[in-house]
Every structure is written in structure tokens, then in C-alpha cells.
Protein backbone atom coordinates (compact mmCIF):
# COMPACT_ATOMS: atom_id res chain seq x y z
CA MET A 1 9.04 -30.18 58.69
CA GLU A 2 9.65 -26.93 59.54
CA LYS A 3 12.22 -25.05 56.85
CA LYS A 4 15.59 -24.39 58.76
CA PHE A 5 18.27 -21.79 57.81
CA ARG A 6 15.82 -19.04 56.59
CA THR A 7 18.65 -16.19 56.24
CA LEU A 8 20.43 -18.34 53.77
CA ARG A 9 17.31 -18.52 51.69
CA THR A 10 16.89 -14.80 51.98
CA VAL A 11 20.47 -14.59 50.86
CA SER A 12 19.87 -16.91 47.88
CA LEU A 13 16.92 -14.69 47.06
CA ILE A 14 18.63 -11.58 47.31
CA LEU A 15 21.20 -12.81 45.01
CA LYS A 16 19.29 -13.73 42.35
CA VAL A 17 17.26 -10.53 42.11
CA VAL A 18 20.75 -8.47 42.33
CA ALA A 19 22.15 -11.13 39.40
CA TRP A 20 18.92 -9.97 37.11
CA VAL A 21 19.33 -6.56 38.03
CA ILE A 22 22.79 -6.49 36.87
CA ALA A 23 21.83 -8.43 34.05
CA ALA A 24 19.28 -5.95 32.72
CA LEU A 25 21.27 -2.94 33.41
CA THR A 26 24.18 -4.81 31.43
CA VAL A 27 22.01 -5.11 28.49
CA ILE A 28 20.92 -1.42 28.61
CA GLY A 29 24.43 -0.31 29.01
CA PHE A 30 25.77 -2.28 25.80
CA ILE A 31 22.85 -1.10 23.79
CA ALA A 32 23.25 2.50 25.06
CA LEU A 33 27.04 2.19 24.40
CA LEU A 34 26.80 0.60 21.14
CA VAL A 35 24.46 2.92 19.63
CA GLY A 36 25.88 6.07 21.24
CA GLY A 37 29.58 5.03 20.93
CA ALA A 38 29.66 6.01 17.61
CA ALA A 39 27.91 9.18 18.08
CA LEU A 40 30.68 10.13 21.13
CA ALA A 41 33.50 9.23 18.88
CA GLN A 42 33.27 12.94 17.11
CA PHE A 43 33.37 14.45 20.62
CA GLY A 44 36.63 12.37 21.63
CA GLY A 45 39.34 14.58 20.06
CA ARG A 46 37.92 17.54 22.35
CA TYR A 47 36.70 16.13 25.53
CA GLY A 48 37.99 12.48 25.89
CA GLY A 49 36.63 9.59 27.28
CA VAL A 50 35.28 6.43 25.27
CA GLY A 51 34.93 8.78 22.58
CA SER A 52 38.79 9.16 22.28
CA LEU A 53 38.88 5.73 21.17
CA GLY A 54 37.07 6.12 17.95
CA PRO A 55 33.97 4.23 16.97
CA PHE A 56 35.51 0.80 17.28
CA GLY A 57 37.06 1.62 20.53
CA ALA A 58 33.77 2.18 21.52
CA VAL A 59 32.03 -0.83 20.25
CA GLY A 60 34.95 -2.44 21.68
CA VAL A 61 34.28 -1.28 25.01
CA ALA A 62 30.27 -2.12 24.91
CA PHE A 63 31.58 -5.72 24.04
CA TYR A 64 33.83 -5.62 27.47
CA ILE A 65 30.55 -4.64 29.61
CA LEU A 66 28.62 -7.38 27.83
CA ILE A 67 31.24 -9.80 28.80
CA ILE A 68 31.66 -8.56 32.34
CA GLY A 69 28.30 -8.38 32.84
CA ILE A 70 27.19 -11.89 31.80
CA ILE A 71 30.32 -12.96 34.11
CA TRP A 72 28.98 -11.48 36.93
CA PHE A 73 25.41 -12.43 36.03
CA LEU A 74 26.27 -15.84 36.28
CA SER A 75 28.71 -15.84 39.49
CA LEU A 76 25.77 -14.23 41.34
CA LEU A 77 23.38 -16.82 39.72
CA ALA A 78 25.54 -19.66 40.41
CA GLY A 79 25.85 -18.85 43.89
CA ALA A 80 22.31 -18.50 44.64
CA GLU A 81 22.08 -21.78 43.41
CA LEU A 82 24.61 -23.08 45.24
CA ILE A 83 23.05 -21.94 48.48
CA LEU A 84 20.07 -23.74 47.60
CA VAL A 85 21.74 -27.45 46.50
CA ILE A 86 23.62 -26.95 49.72
CA LEU A 87 20.48 -26.64 51.66
CA SER A 88 18.48 -29.52 50.21
CA ILE A 89 21.56 -31.58 50.37
CA GLU A 90 21.07 -30.74 54.44
CA GLU A 91 17.39 -31.24 54.10
CA ASN A 92 17.72 -34.71 52.41
CA THR A 93 20.44 -35.80 54.98
CA ARG A 94 17.75 -34.96 57.71
CA ALA A 95 15.25 -36.63 56.00
CA CYS A 96 16.64 -39.66 56.10
CA LYS A 97 18.19 -40.00 59.35
CA PRO A 98 16.80 -43.17 61.12
CA THR A 99 14.44 -42.74 63.98
CA GLU A 100 15.36 -43.94 67.40
């Protein structure tokens, strides 16, 4: 049987790829800010930015980035899976259709 709605399958795949890219960038950003945040704290008085919050502020921002990244990752992955579930329901409904 021919697969229908190829565009939706492509959109689902793109959403999955974007979700995993966001997950990777979130982990990299979290680690970089966690490690570099303490180093930035010494320059905070002069230049502003994340370092002006102090070392604990930089750690807080790092965890904020982690939480927001996890939310984005799960949202995009759930959207991609939802598309596939709807397509699967459509395929099963079409397969159960009685032939006349």
C-alpha cells in the first residue's frame, strides 16, 4: 500500500532533527556557562552581562538554559511524534475500511 502524506512525514523528520540539535546545543551551552560563568564573574563589574550576577547568578542562568532547552526539546519531539501517531491512525482506519 502506498504511503500517503509524505510532506507530513518529512515535517516530522525535520522536527525530530531540530529537536536533537536543540538538545545538543542546550547541553553545550549549559556546560559552557556552568564552567565559564565563574570565570566571567570577575569581569562582571567592568563589562556587565552574565558575569555581573556573580558566580551563583551564572550557575542560575546555566540551569535556566538547561530547563528551557529541555522544554523546547520535549515540545518539538512530542510534536513530531504526534504527527506520526495521527498518520498511523489514518493508515489503520484506511486499512480497516470494508471493500465493496
